[in-house]
């Protein structure tokens, strides 16, 4: 089994964060540019346009 059960979790979390940013009014190009790792500072800066 190994990591088979967890391999899909990371893309799901990234997509959820991108969706939340888009719904919060973040321009789509900035939201789509999110890369791993999604640390709080990166999410905050993207959300606030920094």
Protein backbone atom coordinates (compact mmCIF):
# COMPACT_ATOMS: atom_id res chain seq x y z
CA UNK A 1 0.00 0.00 0.00
CA UNK A 2 2.66 2.53 0.97
CA UNK A 3 1.81 6.12 0.11
CA UNK A 4 -0.97 5.30 -2.33
CA UNK A 5 -3.66 6.50 0.05
CA UNK A 6 -1.99 9.87 0.72
CA UNK A 7 -0.71 10.81 -2.72
CA UNK A 8 -3.98 12.51 -3.70
CA UNK A 9 -4.26 14.60 -0.54
CA UNK A 10 -1.69 17.24 -1.48
CA UNK A 11 -3.31 18.31 -4.78
CA UNK A 12 -6.69 18.41 -3.04
CA UNK A 13 -5.38 20.80 -0.39
CA UNK A 14 -3.70 23.04 -2.97
CA UNK A 15 -6.89 23.15 -5.06
CA UNK A 16 -8.94 23.99 -1.96
CA UNK A 17 -6.63 26.88 -1.08
CA UNK A 18 -6.71 28.19 -4.66
CA UNK A 19 -10.50 27.96 -4.69
CA UNK A 20 -10.76 29.76 -1.35
CA UNK A 21 -8.46 32.54 -2.56
CA UNK A 22 -10.48 32.94 -5.75
CA UNK A 23 -13.75 33.12 -3.80
CA UNK A 24 -12.19 35.74 -1.51
CA UNK A 25 -11.65 38.00 -4.51
CA UNK A 26 -8.00 37.27 -5.26
CA UNK A 27 -7.35 37.69 -9.00
CA UNK A 28 -7.26 34.33 -10.76
CA UNK A 29 -3.71 34.75 -12.06
CA UNK A 30 -2.34 35.23 -8.52
CA UNK A 31 -4.41 32.39 -7.08
CA UNK A 32 -3.37 30.00 -9.86
CA UNK A 33 0.31 30.87 -9.30
CA UNK A 34 0.32 29.27 -5.84
CA UNK A 35 3.09 26.69 -5.48
CA UNK A 36 4.00 24.18 -2.80
CA UNK A 37 4.80 24.55 0.02
CA UNK A 38 1.70 26.48 1.03
CA UNK A 39 3.05 28.21 4.11
CA UNK A 40 0.78 30.70 5.91
CA UNK A 41 2.91 33.68 4.88
CA UNK A 42 2.62 32.82 1.18
CA UNK A 43 -1.14 32.40 1.40
CA UNK A 44 -1.49 35.65 3.37
CA UNK A 45 0.65 37.60 0.88
CA UNK A 46 -1.33 36.23 -2.05
CA UNK A 47 -4.63 37.04 -0.34
CA UNK A 48 -3.54 40.62 0.42
CA UNK A 49 -1.84 41.29 -2.91
CA UNK A 50 1.72 41.52 -1.60
